[in-house]
Amino acid sequence: MAKTRELCKDIRDKIVDLHKAGMGYRTIGKQFGEKAITVGAIIRKRKKLKMKVNHPRSGAPCKISPRGASMIMRKVRDQPRTTRQDLVNDLKRAGTTVSKKTISNTLRRHGLKSCSTRKVTLLKPAHVQAHLKFANDHLDDPEEEWEKVMSYGHMLSLVNK
């Protein structure tokens, strides 16, 4: 579940004061633009726990510091083909042990996503020979011939639009 925003202390105090003055949850909620459930929760917490400030929320602290996250982002920006394992190793050298999943979460939190490169079949020896033969056959072609090839390719791109 996503982390919700917290109301500031002043608004919570005003809600409690209005409730003590005899106003209902809905009326108070409309006044502050909050739901009646939220107003009720604030008042119940104040009565039950006698708390004036918000307690820290539960959850594990982030293993990657803001400085480590900026290092990851810089490395990915400079070298987009960096693997998650490379980033794990970089952080390990810096003194932080994290998993690949933590790296993925950090990248996603900063607006990037990790993905795998597309698998491309390598050229077979026959393909290499065909490329070499074509290059040798057309090595001495005049520039006008290549201009025809370029213009033909340009026409094809216009037709395909």
Foldseek 3Di string as FASTA:
>chain_A
DDDDDDDDLVLLVVLLVVVVVPDALPVSCVVVVHHSVVSVVSNVCCVPVVDRDDDDDDDDDQQQDPVLLVVLVVVCVVPVPDALVNSQVVVVVVPGHDDSVSVQVSQVVVPHGDDDDDDDDDDDPVRVVVVVVVCVVCVPPDPVVVVVVVVVVVVVVVVVD
